[in-house]
N, C-alpha and C. Protein backbone atom coordinates (compact mmCIF):
# COMPACT_ATOMS: atom_id res chain seq x y z
N MET A 1 -17.53 -3.42 8.37
CA MET A 1 -16.10 -3.42 8.03
C MET A 1 -15.61 -1.98 7.86
N SER A 2 -14.30 -1.77 8.02
CA SER A 2 -13.71 -0.46 7.81
C SER A 2 -12.50 -0.60 6.90
N TRP A 3 -11.95 0.53 6.43
CA TRP A 3 -10.82 0.45 5.53
C TRP A 3 -9.60 -0.17 6.22
N ARG A 4 -9.49 0.02 7.52
CA ARG A 4 -8.37 -0.58 8.25
C ARG A 4 -8.47 -2.11 8.25
N THR A 5 -9.66 -2.61 8.56
CA THR A 5 -9.87 -4.06 8.61
C THR A 5 -9.68 -4.69 7.24
N ASP A 6 -10.27 -4.07 6.22
CA ASP A 6 -10.17 -4.61 4.87
C ASP A 6 -8.72 -4.57 4.36
N TRP A 7 -8.00 -3.50 4.67
CA TRP A 7 -6.62 -3.42 4.22
C TRP A 7 -5.76 -4.48 4.91
N LYS A 8 -6.01 -4.75 6.17
CA LYS A 8 -5.26 -5.78 6.89
C LYS A 8 -5.40 -7.12 6.18
N ALA A 9 -6.61 -7.44 5.72
CA ALA A 9 -6.84 -8.70 5.01
C ALA A 9 -6.07 -8.72 3.69
N ILE A 10 -6.08 -7.61 2.95
CA ILE A 10 -5.35 -7.53 1.68
C ILE A 10 -3.85 -7.65 1.91
N SER A 11 -3.36 -6.95 2.93
CA SER A 11 -1.94 -6.98 3.24
C SER A 11 -1.49 -8.39 3.61
N ASP A 12 -2.29 -9.09 4.39
CA ASP A 12 -1.95 -10.46 4.78
C ASP A 12 -1.94 -11.38 3.56
N GLN A 13 -2.90 -11.19 2.66
CA GLN A 13 -2.91 -11.99 1.43
C GLN A 13 -1.66 -11.75 0.60
N THR A 14 -1.27 -10.51 0.48
CA THR A 14 -0.08 -10.16 -0.31
C THR A 14 1.18 -10.76 0.31
N GLU A 15 1.26 -10.72 1.63
CA GLU A 15 2.41 -11.30 2.31
C GLU A 15 2.46 -12.81 2.07
N GLY A 16 1.31 -13.47 2.11
CA GLY A 16 1.27 -14.90 1.85
C GLY A 16 1.67 -15.23 0.41
N LEU A 17 1.22 -14.41 -0.53
CA LEU A 17 1.58 -14.62 -1.94
C LEU A 17 3.07 -14.44 -2.14
N LEU A 18 3.65 -13.45 -1.45
CA LEU A 18 5.09 -13.23 -1.56
C LEU A 18 5.86 -14.44 -1.05
N ASP A 19 5.44 -15.00 0.06
CA ASP A 19 6.10 -16.20 0.59
C ASP A 19 6.02 -17.36 -0.42
N ALA A 20 4.84 -17.53 -1.01
CA ALA A 20 4.66 -18.61 -2.00
C ALA A 20 5.54 -18.38 -3.22
N ALA A 21 5.60 -17.13 -3.70
CA ALA A 21 6.42 -16.82 -4.88
C ALA A 21 7.89 -17.00 -4.58
N ARG A 22 8.31 -16.64 -3.39
CA ARG A 22 9.72 -16.81 -3.01
C ARG A 22 10.09 -18.30 -3.01
N PHE A 23 9.21 -19.12 -2.44
CA PHE A 23 9.46 -20.56 -2.43
C PHE A 23 9.47 -21.12 -3.85
N TYR A 24 8.56 -20.61 -4.67
CA TYR A 24 8.46 -21.07 -6.06
C TYR A 24 9.78 -20.83 -6.81
N VAL A 25 10.30 -19.63 -6.70
CA VAL A 25 11.54 -19.29 -7.41
C VAL A 25 12.71 -20.10 -6.87
N GLU A 26 12.78 -20.24 -5.55
CA GLU A 26 13.88 -20.99 -4.95
C GLU A 26 13.82 -22.47 -5.33
N SER A 27 12.60 -23.00 -5.43
CA SER A 27 12.46 -24.43 -5.73
C SER A 27 12.76 -24.75 -7.19
N LEU A 28 12.70 -23.77 -8.07
CA LEU A 28 13.02 -24.02 -9.47
C LEU A 28 14.48 -24.42 -9.66
N GLY A 29 15.33 -23.77 -8.88
CA GLY A 29 16.75 -24.10 -8.97
C GLY A 29 17.33 -23.74 -10.32
N PRO A 30 18.45 -24.37 -10.68
CA PRO A 30 19.15 -24.05 -11.93
C PRO A 30 18.33 -24.35 -13.18
N ARG A 31 17.40 -25.32 -13.08
CA ARG A 31 16.68 -25.70 -14.29
C ARG A 31 15.66 -24.66 -14.74
N SER A 32 15.14 -23.87 -13.79
CA SER A 32 14.18 -22.80 -14.09
C SER A 32 13.02 -23.28 -14.95
N THR A 33 12.56 -24.51 -14.68
CA THR A 33 11.46 -25.07 -15.45
C THR A 33 10.28 -25.36 -14.54
N ASP A 34 9.15 -24.78 -14.89
CA ASP A 34 7.92 -24.97 -14.11
C ASP A 34 7.13 -26.12 -14.73
N VAL A 35 7.50 -27.34 -14.33
CA VAL A 35 6.94 -28.54 -14.96
C VAL A 35 5.42 -28.59 -14.82
N TYR A 36 4.91 -28.22 -13.67
CA TYR A 36 3.47 -28.34 -13.41
C TYR A 36 2.72 -27.01 -13.59
N SER A 37 3.37 -26.04 -14.18
CA SER A 37 2.74 -24.74 -14.47
C SER A 37 2.12 -24.10 -13.22
N VAL A 38 2.88 -24.14 -12.13
CA VAL A 38 2.40 -23.58 -10.87
C VAL A 38 2.14 -22.08 -10.98
N ALA A 39 3.05 -21.39 -11.67
CA ALA A 39 2.89 -19.94 -11.81
C ALA A 39 1.60 -19.61 -12.55
N ARG A 40 1.39 -20.31 -13.67
CA ARG A 40 0.24 -20.01 -14.52
C ARG A 40 -1.08 -20.42 -13.86
N LYS A 41 -1.06 -21.53 -13.13
CA LYS A 41 -2.30 -22.06 -12.55
C LYS A 41 -2.62 -21.48 -11.18
N GLN A 42 -1.57 -21.05 -10.43
CA GLN A 42 -1.80 -20.63 -9.06
C GLN A 42 -1.34 -19.20 -8.75
N LEU A 43 -0.07 -18.92 -8.96
CA LEU A 43 0.47 -17.64 -8.52
C LEU A 43 -0.09 -16.45 -9.30
N ILE A 44 -0.13 -16.57 -10.63
CA ILE A 44 -0.63 -15.46 -11.44
C ILE A 44 -2.13 -15.21 -11.19
N PRO A 45 -2.98 -16.24 -11.20
CA PRO A 45 -4.40 -16.00 -10.88
C PRO A 45 -4.60 -15.42 -9.48
N HIS A 46 -3.80 -15.90 -8.52
CA HIS A 46 -3.91 -15.37 -7.16
C HIS A 46 -3.56 -13.88 -7.12
N SER A 47 -2.49 -13.50 -7.81
CA SER A 47 -2.09 -12.09 -7.84
C SER A 47 -3.16 -11.23 -8.49
N LYS A 48 -3.80 -11.76 -9.54
CA LYS A 48 -4.87 -11.01 -10.20
C LYS A 48 -6.05 -10.80 -9.27
N ARG A 49 -6.36 -11.82 -8.47
CA ARG A 49 -7.47 -11.68 -7.52
C ARG A 49 -7.15 -10.62 -6.47
N ILE A 50 -5.91 -10.59 -6.02
CA ILE A 50 -5.51 -9.56 -5.06
C ILE A 50 -5.61 -8.17 -5.68
N PHE A 51 -5.15 -8.05 -6.93
CA PHE A 51 -5.24 -6.74 -7.59
C PHE A 51 -6.69 -6.31 -7.74
N ASP A 52 -7.57 -7.22 -8.11
CA ASP A 52 -8.99 -6.90 -8.24
C ASP A 52 -9.56 -6.45 -6.90
N THR A 53 -9.11 -7.08 -5.83
CA THR A 53 -9.56 -6.70 -4.49
C THR A 53 -9.07 -5.30 -4.14
N ILE A 54 -7.83 -4.98 -4.53
CA ILE A 54 -7.28 -3.65 -4.28
C ILE A 54 -8.06 -2.60 -5.07
N ALA A 55 -8.40 -2.92 -6.32
CA ALA A 55 -9.18 -1.99 -7.14
C ALA A 55 -10.56 -1.74 -6.51
N LYS A 56 -11.17 -2.80 -5.99
CA LYS A 56 -12.46 -2.66 -5.32
C LYS A 56 -12.30 -1.85 -4.04
N TYR A 57 -11.21 -2.07 -3.35
CA TYR A 57 -10.91 -1.32 -2.12
C TYR A 57 -10.78 0.17 -2.44
N GLU A 58 -10.10 0.48 -3.53
CA GLU A 58 -9.95 1.87 -3.95
C GLU A 58 -11.31 2.50 -4.23
N GLU A 59 -12.16 1.78 -4.92
CA GLU A 59 -13.49 2.27 -5.25
C GLU A 59 -14.35 2.50 -4.00
N THR A 60 -14.19 1.63 -3.02
CA THR A 60 -15.02 1.69 -1.81
C THR A 60 -14.56 2.76 -0.83
N TYR A 61 -13.24 2.90 -0.67
CA TYR A 61 -12.73 3.72 0.44
C TYR A 61 -11.97 4.97 0.01
N ALA A 62 -12.00 5.32 -1.25
CA ALA A 62 -11.23 6.48 -1.71
C ALA A 62 -11.59 7.76 -0.95
N ARG A 63 -12.85 7.90 -0.56
CA ARG A 63 -13.28 9.12 0.14
C ARG A 63 -12.99 9.07 1.63
N SER A 64 -12.62 7.90 2.14
CA SER A 64 -12.41 7.74 3.58
C SER A 64 -10.93 7.70 3.96
N LEU A 65 -10.09 7.29 3.05
CA LEU A 65 -8.66 7.13 3.34
C LEU A 65 -7.94 8.47 3.46
N PRO A 66 -6.84 8.51 4.20
CA PRO A 66 -6.01 9.71 4.22
C PRO A 66 -5.54 10.05 2.81
N PRO A 67 -5.48 11.32 2.46
CA PRO A 67 -5.10 11.72 1.09
C PRO A 67 -3.78 11.12 0.61
N VAL A 68 -2.78 11.03 1.49
CA VAL A 68 -1.49 10.48 1.06
C VAL A 68 -1.62 9.00 0.69
N ALA A 69 -2.51 8.30 1.37
CA ALA A 69 -2.74 6.88 1.06
C ALA A 69 -3.50 6.74 -0.26
N VAL A 70 -4.46 7.62 -0.49
CA VAL A 70 -5.23 7.59 -1.74
C VAL A 70 -4.31 7.84 -2.92
N GLU A 71 -3.38 8.77 -2.78
CA GLU A 71 -2.43 9.07 -3.85
C GLU A 71 -1.61 7.83 -4.20
N CYS A 72 -1.15 7.13 -3.20
CA CYS A 72 -0.36 5.91 -3.40
C CYS A 72 -1.21 4.82 -4.08
N LEU A 73 -2.44 4.68 -3.63
CA LEU A 73 -3.35 3.67 -4.17
C LEU A 73 -3.68 3.96 -5.63
N ASN A 74 -3.98 5.20 -5.93
CA ASN A 74 -4.31 5.59 -7.31
C ASN A 74 -3.13 5.35 -8.25
N ALA A 75 -1.93 5.68 -7.79
CA ALA A 75 -0.75 5.51 -8.63
C ALA A 75 -0.52 4.04 -8.95
N PHE A 76 -0.72 3.18 -7.98
CA PHE A 76 -0.49 1.75 -8.19
C PHE A 76 -1.49 1.16 -9.19
N THR A 77 -2.77 1.40 -8.98
CA THR A 77 -3.78 0.82 -9.88
C THR A 77 -3.68 1.39 -11.28
N ARG A 78 -3.29 2.67 -11.38
CA ARG A 78 -3.19 3.31 -12.70
C ARG A 78 -1.96 2.81 -13.47
N GLU A 79 -0.83 2.70 -12.80
CA GLU A 79 0.42 2.38 -13.48
C GLU A 79 0.64 0.89 -13.70
N PHE A 80 0.09 0.06 -12.81
CA PHE A 80 0.38 -1.38 -12.90
C PHE A 80 -0.82 -2.23 -13.28
N GLY A 81 -1.98 -1.62 -13.45
CA GLY A 81 -3.17 -2.38 -13.80
C GLY A 81 -3.00 -3.19 -15.08
N LYS A 82 -2.26 -2.64 -16.04
CA LYS A 82 -2.08 -3.33 -17.33
C LYS A 82 -1.34 -4.65 -17.18
N PHE A 83 -0.46 -4.74 -16.19
CA PHE A 83 0.29 -5.97 -16.01
C PHE A 83 -0.58 -7.10 -15.46
N PHE A 84 -1.62 -6.74 -14.73
CA PHE A 84 -2.49 -7.75 -14.15
C PHE A 84 -3.61 -8.16 -15.10
N SER A 85 -3.88 -7.34 -16.08
CA SER A 85 -4.95 -7.66 -17.03
C SER A 85 -4.43 -8.21 -18.35
N GLY A 86 -3.12 -7.99 -18.63
CA GLY A 86 -2.60 -8.42 -19.92
C GLY A 86 -1.30 -9.17 -19.84
N ILE A 87 -1.18 -10.05 -18.83
CA ILE A 87 0.06 -10.81 -18.66
C ILE A 87 0.16 -11.90 -19.71
N HIS A 88 1.33 -12.06 -20.32
CA HIS A 88 1.52 -13.07 -21.36
C HIS A 88 1.84 -14.41 -20.72
N PRO A 89 1.00 -15.42 -20.91
CA PRO A 89 1.19 -16.71 -20.24
C PRO A 89 2.46 -17.45 -20.63
N GLN A 90 3.05 -17.12 -21.79
CA GLN A 90 4.24 -17.83 -22.21
C GLN A 90 5.50 -17.36 -21.48
N ASP A 91 5.40 -16.31 -20.72
CA ASP A 91 6.57 -15.78 -20.01
C ASP A 91 6.23 -15.70 -18.52
N ASP A 92 6.07 -16.87 -17.91
CA ASP A 92 5.59 -16.93 -16.53
C ASP A 92 6.55 -16.28 -15.54
N LEU A 93 7.84 -16.51 -15.69
CA LEU A 93 8.80 -15.95 -14.74
C LEU A 93 8.82 -14.42 -14.79
N ALA A 94 8.76 -13.88 -15.99
CA ALA A 94 8.72 -12.43 -16.13
C ALA A 94 7.43 -11.87 -15.53
N SER A 95 6.33 -12.59 -15.72
CA SER A 95 5.06 -12.16 -15.16
C SER A 95 5.10 -12.16 -13.64
N ILE A 96 5.64 -13.23 -13.08
CA ILE A 96 5.78 -13.32 -11.63
C ILE A 96 6.64 -12.18 -11.10
N GLN A 97 7.70 -11.90 -11.81
CA GLN A 97 8.61 -10.83 -11.37
C GLN A 97 7.90 -9.49 -11.28
N VAL A 98 7.17 -9.12 -12.32
CA VAL A 98 6.57 -7.79 -12.33
C VAL A 98 5.38 -7.69 -11.39
N ILE A 99 4.54 -8.71 -11.34
CA ILE A 99 3.34 -8.57 -10.51
C ILE A 99 3.64 -8.73 -9.03
N ILE A 100 4.52 -9.66 -8.67
CA ILE A 100 4.83 -9.84 -7.25
C ILE A 100 5.64 -8.67 -6.72
N THR A 101 6.59 -8.20 -7.52
CA THR A 101 7.40 -7.06 -7.08
C THR A 101 6.55 -5.81 -6.91
N SER A 102 5.67 -5.56 -7.88
CA SER A 102 4.83 -4.36 -7.79
C SER A 102 3.86 -4.45 -6.62
N LEU A 103 3.27 -5.62 -6.39
CA LEU A 103 2.36 -5.79 -5.26
C LEU A 103 3.08 -5.58 -3.93
N THR A 104 4.26 -6.17 -3.81
CA THR A 104 5.01 -6.07 -2.57
C THR A 104 5.47 -4.65 -2.31
N SER A 105 5.94 -3.99 -3.36
CA SER A 105 6.38 -2.60 -3.23
C SER A 105 5.20 -1.70 -2.82
N PHE A 106 4.05 -1.91 -3.48
CA PHE A 106 2.87 -1.12 -3.14
C PHE A 106 2.46 -1.36 -1.69
N ARG A 107 2.44 -2.61 -1.27
CA ARG A 107 2.05 -2.93 0.11
C ARG A 107 2.94 -2.20 1.12
N SER A 108 4.24 -2.20 0.87
CA SER A 108 5.18 -1.54 1.76
C SER A 108 4.92 -0.03 1.83
N GLU A 109 4.77 0.58 0.66
CA GLU A 109 4.56 2.04 0.64
C GLU A 109 3.21 2.41 1.24
N PHE A 110 2.18 1.62 0.94
CA PHE A 110 0.85 1.94 1.45
C PHE A 110 0.82 1.82 2.97
N ASN A 111 1.48 0.80 3.51
CA ASN A 111 1.57 0.67 4.97
C ASN A 111 2.27 1.88 5.59
N TYR A 112 3.32 2.35 4.91
CA TYR A 112 4.03 3.53 5.40
C TYR A 112 3.13 4.75 5.39
N ARG A 113 2.37 4.92 4.31
CA ARG A 113 1.48 6.08 4.23
C ARG A 113 0.43 6.04 5.33
N LEU A 114 -0.09 4.85 5.63
CA LEU A 114 -1.08 4.73 6.70
C LEU A 114 -0.44 4.99 8.07
N SER A 115 0.81 4.54 8.24
CA SER A 115 1.52 4.79 9.50
C SER A 115 1.75 6.28 9.68
N ASP A 116 2.07 6.95 8.58
CA ASP A 116 2.27 8.40 8.63
C ASP A 116 0.97 9.09 9.02
N ALA A 117 -0.16 8.58 8.51
CA ALA A 117 -1.46 9.14 8.86
C ALA A 117 -1.76 8.92 10.34
N THR A 118 -1.32 7.77 10.89
CA THR A 118 -1.52 7.50 12.31
C THR A 118 -0.73 8.49 13.16
N ALA A 119 0.50 8.78 12.73
CA ALA A 119 1.32 9.76 13.45
C ALA A 119 0.66 11.13 13.41
N THR A 120 0.05 11.47 12.26
CA THR A 120 -0.68 12.74 12.16
C THR A 120 -1.84 12.77 13.13
N GLY A 121 -2.55 11.65 13.25
CA GLY A 121 -3.66 11.57 14.19
C GLY A 121 -3.20 11.78 15.63
N LYS A 122 -2.03 11.26 15.95
CA LYS A 122 -1.50 11.45 17.30
C LYS A 122 -1.19 12.92 17.56
N ARG A 123 -0.60 13.59 16.57
CA ARG A 123 -0.30 15.02 16.72
C ARG A 123 -1.59 15.83 16.87
N LEU A 124 -2.62 15.47 16.09
CA LEU A 124 -3.89 16.17 16.20
C LEU A 124 -4.48 16.01 17.60
N SER A 125 -4.37 14.81 18.15
CA SER A 125 -4.91 14.54 19.49
C SER A 125 -4.17 15.36 20.54
N GLU A 126 -2.84 15.39 20.43
CA GLU A 126 -2.06 16.16 21.39
C GLU A 126 -2.41 17.64 21.31
N ARG A 127 -2.55 18.15 20.08
CA ARG A 127 -2.89 19.57 19.91
C ARG A 127 -4.28 19.87 20.48
N ALA A 128 -5.22 18.93 20.25
CA ALA A 128 -6.58 19.14 20.73
C ALA A 128 -6.64 19.25 22.24
N PHE A 129 -5.89 18.38 22.95
CA PHE A 129 -5.93 18.41 24.41
C PHE A 129 -5.18 19.61 24.98
N ILE A 130 -4.11 20.04 24.29
CA ILE A 130 -3.43 21.27 24.71
C ILE A 130 -4.36 22.46 24.53
N HIS A 131 -5.07 22.49 23.39
CA HIS A 131 -6.03 23.55 23.14
C HIS A 131 -7.12 23.57 24.21
N LEU A 132 -7.62 22.38 24.56
CA LEU A 132 -8.66 22.30 25.60
C LEU A 132 -8.14 22.81 26.93
N GLN A 133 -6.93 22.41 27.31
CA GLN A 133 -6.34 22.85 28.57
C GLN A 133 -6.21 24.37 28.62
N ARG A 134 -5.71 24.94 27.54
CA ARG A 134 -5.51 26.40 27.52
C ARG A 134 -6.84 27.15 27.46
N SER A 135 -7.83 26.56 26.78
CA SER A 135 -9.15 27.20 26.72
C SER A 135 -9.78 27.26 28.11
N ILE A 136 -9.61 26.19 28.88
CA ILE A 136 -10.16 26.17 30.24
C ILE A 136 -9.50 27.24 31.11
N VAL A 137 -8.20 27.44 30.88
CA VAL A 137 -7.47 28.45 31.66
C VAL A 137 -7.85 29.87 31.21
N ALA A 138 -7.96 30.08 29.89
CA ALA A 138 -8.10 31.43 29.36
C ALA A 138 -9.54 31.89 29.19
N ASP A 139 -10.49 30.97 29.05
CA ASP A 139 -11.86 31.34 28.72
C ASP A 139 -12.78 30.97 29.88
N LEU A 140 -13.35 31.99 30.51
CA LEU A 140 -14.20 31.77 31.67
C LEU A 140 -15.41 30.90 31.34
N GLN A 141 -16.03 31.13 30.18
CA GLN A 141 -17.21 30.35 29.81
C GLN A 141 -16.87 28.87 29.62
N VAL A 142 -15.74 28.63 28.97
CA VAL A 142 -15.30 27.24 28.79
C VAL A 142 -15.03 26.60 30.15
N ARG A 143 -14.37 27.34 31.03
CA ARG A 143 -14.04 26.80 32.35
C ARG A 143 -15.31 26.47 33.14
N GLU A 144 -16.30 27.34 33.04
CA GLU A 144 -17.55 27.11 33.76
C GLU A 144 -18.29 25.89 33.20
N LYS A 145 -18.27 25.73 31.88
CA LYS A 145 -18.92 24.57 31.26
C LYS A 145 -18.28 23.27 31.74
N TRP A 146 -16.94 23.25 31.79
CA TRP A 146 -16.24 22.04 32.21
C TRP A 146 -16.40 21.79 33.72
N THR A 147 -16.45 22.87 34.49
CA THR A 147 -16.66 22.71 35.93
C THR A 147 -18.02 22.10 36.20
N GLU A 148 -19.03 22.59 35.49
CA GLU A 148 -20.38 22.07 35.66
C GLU A 148 -20.47 20.62 35.17
N ALA A 149 -19.84 20.35 34.05
CA ALA A 149 -19.85 18.99 33.52
C ALA A 149 -19.15 18.02 34.47
N HIS A 150 -18.07 18.47 35.08
CA HIS A 150 -17.34 17.62 36.03
C HIS A 150 -18.19 17.28 37.23
N LYS A 151 -19.02 18.22 37.65
CA LYS A 151 -19.92 17.98 38.78
C LYS A 151 -20.96 16.91 38.43
N LYS A 152 -21.40 16.92 37.16
CA LYS A 152 -22.45 15.98 36.74
C LYS A 152 -21.89 14.58 36.48
N GLY A 153 -20.59 14.49 36.19
CA GLY A 153 -20.01 13.17 36.01
C GLY A 153 -19.28 12.99 34.69
N GLU A 154 -18.72 11.83 34.52
CA GLU A 154 -17.86 11.52 33.39
C GLU A 154 -18.56 11.63 32.04
N ILE A 155 -19.82 11.20 31.98
CA ILE A 155 -20.53 11.19 30.70
C ILE A 155 -20.66 12.60 30.14
N GLU A 156 -20.98 13.57 31.00
CA GLU A 156 -21.10 14.95 30.54
C GLU A 156 -19.77 15.49 30.04
N CYS A 157 -18.69 15.10 30.74
CA CYS A 157 -17.36 15.53 30.29
C CYS A 157 -17.02 14.91 28.94
N GLU A 158 -17.43 13.66 28.74
CA GLU A 158 -17.17 13.00 27.47
C GLU A 158 -17.90 13.68 26.33
N LYS A 159 -19.11 14.15 26.58
CA LYS A 159 -19.86 14.85 25.54
C LYS A 159 -19.13 16.13 25.13
N LEU A 160 -18.72 16.92 26.13
CA LEU A 160 -17.99 18.15 25.82
C LEU A 160 -16.68 17.85 25.12
N GLY A 161 -15.96 16.86 25.64
CA GLY A 161 -14.66 16.52 25.06
C GLY A 161 -14.79 15.99 23.65
N GLY A 162 -15.79 15.16 23.40
CA GLY A 162 -15.99 14.61 22.07
C GLY A 162 -16.28 15.70 21.05
N ALA A 163 -17.11 16.68 21.44
CA ALA A 163 -17.42 17.79 20.53
C ALA A 163 -16.18 18.65 20.28
N HIS A 164 -15.37 18.85 21.33
CA HIS A 164 -14.14 19.63 21.16
C HIS A 164 -13.15 18.93 20.23
N LEU A 165 -12.99 17.63 20.40
CA LEU A 165 -12.06 16.88 19.56
C LEU A 165 -12.46 16.92 18.09
N LEU A 166 -13.76 16.90 17.83
CA LEU A 166 -14.22 16.92 16.44
C LEU A 166 -13.83 18.22 15.74
N LEU A 167 -13.72 19.31 16.49
CA LEU A 167 -13.25 20.56 15.91
C LEU A 167 -11.83 20.41 15.34
N HIS A 168 -11.09 19.48 15.89
CA HIS A 168 -9.72 19.24 15.44
C HIS A 168 -9.63 18.06 14.47
N GLY A 169 -10.79 17.61 13.97
CA GLY A 169 -10.80 16.52 13.01
C GLY A 169 -10.68 15.15 13.63
N ILE A 170 -11.03 15.03 14.92
CA ILE A 170 -10.88 13.77 15.64
C ILE A 170 -12.25 13.29 16.11
N TRP A 171 -12.60 12.06 15.75
CA TRP A 171 -13.85 11.47 16.22
C TRP A 171 -13.50 10.48 17.32
N ALA A 172 -13.89 10.81 18.55
CA ALA A 172 -13.54 9.98 19.70
C ALA A 172 -14.68 9.03 20.04
N PHE A 173 -14.32 7.84 20.50
CA PHE A 173 -15.31 6.85 20.89
C PHE A 173 -14.76 6.06 22.08
N LYS A 174 -15.60 5.28 22.71
CA LYS A 174 -15.16 4.40 23.78
C LYS A 174 -15.69 3.00 23.50
N VAL A 175 -15.06 2.03 24.13
CA VAL A 175 -15.41 0.63 23.91
C VAL A 175 -15.86 0.01 25.23
N GLY A 176 -17.02 -0.66 25.20
CA GLY A 176 -17.54 -1.33 26.38
C GLY A 176 -16.91 -2.70 26.56
N ALA A 177 -17.27 -3.36 27.63
CA ALA A 177 -16.72 -4.68 27.95
C ALA A 177 -17.02 -5.69 26.85
N GLU A 178 -18.15 -5.52 26.17
CA GLU A 178 -18.54 -6.45 25.12
C GLU A 178 -17.92 -6.09 23.77
N GLY A 179 -17.11 -5.03 23.74
CA GLY A 179 -16.43 -4.66 22.50
C GLY A 179 -17.19 -3.67 21.64
N GLU A 180 -18.34 -3.21 22.08
CA GLU A 180 -19.13 -2.28 21.29
C GLU A 180 -18.56 -0.88 21.41
N ARG A 181 -18.44 -0.21 20.25
CA ARG A 181 -17.94 1.16 20.22
C ARG A 181 -19.09 2.15 20.39
N THR A 182 -18.90 3.14 21.25
CA THR A 182 -19.95 4.09 21.56
C THR A 182 -19.48 5.51 21.29
N ASP A 183 -20.31 6.28 20.60
CA ASP A 183 -20.03 7.69 20.33
C ASP A 183 -20.06 8.47 21.64
N LEU A 184 -19.04 9.31 21.87
CA LEU A 184 -18.96 10.04 23.14
C LEU A 184 -20.02 11.11 23.27
N VAL A 185 -20.37 11.76 22.16
CA VAL A 185 -21.31 12.88 22.23
C VAL A 185 -22.76 12.39 22.34
N LEU A 186 -23.13 11.46 21.47
CA LEU A 186 -24.51 11.00 21.43
C LEU A 186 -24.79 9.86 22.40
N GLY A 187 -23.73 9.17 22.82
CA GLY A 187 -23.91 8.06 23.73
C GLY A 187 -24.57 6.85 23.09
N GLU A 188 -24.49 6.76 21.76
CA GLU A 188 -25.12 5.67 21.03
C GLU A 188 -24.06 4.80 20.36
N PRO A 189 -24.41 3.55 20.01
CA PRO A 189 -23.44 2.68 19.32
C PRO A 189 -22.93 3.34 18.05
N LEU A 190 -21.63 3.21 17.82
CA LEU A 190 -20.99 3.79 16.64
C LEU A 190 -21.08 2.78 15.51
N GLN A 191 -22.03 2.98 14.60
CA GLN A 191 -22.31 2.00 13.57
C GLN A 191 -21.85 2.43 12.17
N ASP A 192 -22.06 3.70 11.84
CA ASP A 192 -21.72 4.18 10.50
C ASP A 192 -20.28 4.65 10.46
N ILE A 193 -19.34 3.69 10.40
CA ILE A 193 -17.92 4.03 10.39
C ILE A 193 -17.55 4.82 9.14
N ALA A 194 -18.20 4.52 8.02
CA ALA A 194 -17.89 5.22 6.77
C ALA A 194 -18.16 6.72 6.91
N MET A 195 -19.28 7.06 7.55
CA MET A 195 -19.60 8.48 7.75
C MET A 195 -18.57 9.14 8.66
N VAL A 196 -18.12 8.43 9.68
CA VAL A 196 -17.10 8.96 10.59
C VAL A 196 -15.81 9.22 9.84
N GLU A 197 -15.38 8.27 9.02
CA GLU A 197 -14.11 8.39 8.32
C GLU A 197 -14.15 9.48 7.24
N ARG A 198 -15.36 9.77 6.71
CA ARG A 198 -15.47 10.84 5.73
C ARG A 198 -15.38 12.22 6.37
N SER A 199 -15.81 12.32 7.63
CA SER A 199 -15.92 13.63 8.26
C SER A 199 -14.78 13.95 9.23
N ALA A 200 -13.94 12.98 9.55
CA ALA A 200 -12.87 13.20 10.51
C ALA A 200 -11.53 12.78 9.93
N GLU A 201 -10.47 13.40 10.45
CA GLU A 201 -9.12 13.04 10.02
C GLU A 201 -8.67 11.74 10.66
N THR A 202 -9.13 11.48 11.88
CA THR A 202 -8.72 10.28 12.58
C THR A 202 -9.79 9.86 13.57
N LEU A 203 -9.76 8.59 13.94
CA LEU A 203 -10.70 7.99 14.87
C LEU A 203 -9.90 7.50 16.06
N VAL A 204 -10.24 7.97 17.27
CA VAL A 204 -9.41 7.62 18.42
C VAL A 204 -10.24 7.08 19.57
N LEU A 205 -9.58 6.26 20.38
CA LEU A 205 -10.13 5.76 21.63
C LEU A 205 -9.33 6.43 22.74
N PRO A 206 -9.91 7.44 23.43
CA PRO A 206 -9.16 8.13 24.47
C PRO A 206 -8.73 7.18 25.57
N SER A 207 -7.49 7.31 26.04
CA SER A 207 -7.00 6.49 27.14
C SER A 207 -7.32 7.20 28.45
N GLY A 208 -8.22 6.62 29.24
CA GLY A 208 -8.69 7.29 30.42
C GLY A 208 -9.85 8.20 30.08
N SER A 209 -10.65 8.54 31.05
CA SER A 209 -11.83 9.36 30.77
C SER A 209 -11.44 10.80 30.53
N LEU A 210 -12.27 11.49 29.76
CA LEU A 210 -12.02 12.90 29.49
C LEU A 210 -12.17 13.73 30.76
N SER A 211 -13.02 13.28 31.65
CA SER A 211 -13.18 14.01 32.90
C SER A 211 -11.89 13.94 33.72
N GLN A 212 -11.22 12.77 33.70
CA GLN A 212 -9.96 12.63 34.40
C GLN A 212 -8.90 13.51 33.76
N LYS A 213 -8.89 13.58 32.44
CA LYS A 213 -7.93 14.43 31.74
C LYS A 213 -8.13 15.89 32.12
N ARG A 214 -9.40 16.29 32.13
CA ARG A 214 -9.70 17.68 32.46
C ARG A 214 -9.28 17.98 33.88
N HIS A 215 -9.55 17.06 34.82
CA HIS A 215 -9.23 17.28 36.22
C HIS A 215 -7.71 17.32 36.42
N ALA A 216 -7.01 16.40 35.76
CA ALA A 216 -5.56 16.32 35.93
C ALA A 216 -4.88 17.57 35.41
N ARG A 217 -5.41 18.17 34.37
CA ARG A 217 -4.75 19.31 33.74
C ARG A 217 -5.08 20.63 34.45
N ASN A 218 -5.94 20.57 35.46
CA ASN A 218 -6.32 21.81 36.14
C ASN A 218 -6.13 21.74 37.64
N ARG A 219 -5.33 20.77 38.12
CA ARG A 219 -5.03 20.69 39.53
C ARG A 219 -3.96 21.72 39.88
């Protein structure tokens, strides 16, 4: 599992809880009476489980997440943790209001922070390929290495390209027909995602081979 996959599951749970809470409030109507204690028996315990999952997520992925996302995550667990651990059962509507609103607000902001990190990854990738293009033009040794690699084939170009991208904080991989991710430099299955996320700013799947990119940029 990776932080992206685990967060998707948490986000989906939060969205489902929001839908349930919205229906709950609407169904109460003018009487505002929870005859069957749905909030106390279902919504509040569910929200607490989601918060516990978020706290565990923070503990597991704090070193792997983009810094802006970690800041958002830390602020949420620090400022709102008390509401999930000390909710007063006699005030169910107030409890629902604070926990559902805070969860939904956090989910929205955290998704934005991750999207911003994705945009940063795109800029890093563009900069890395511009740097590679200019290095091939300006540096004879670099040009000779890429010319030789191009003669040997795509795999050699991928090794050079993968090492170059890592200098820019980008860990590049490719995916086979069976869905297995392969490291471009080592040519081995990419298994330790946690190590990759700790050492790189972003993880990318290059569109098209690096050898094609190199050839296209030097015609």
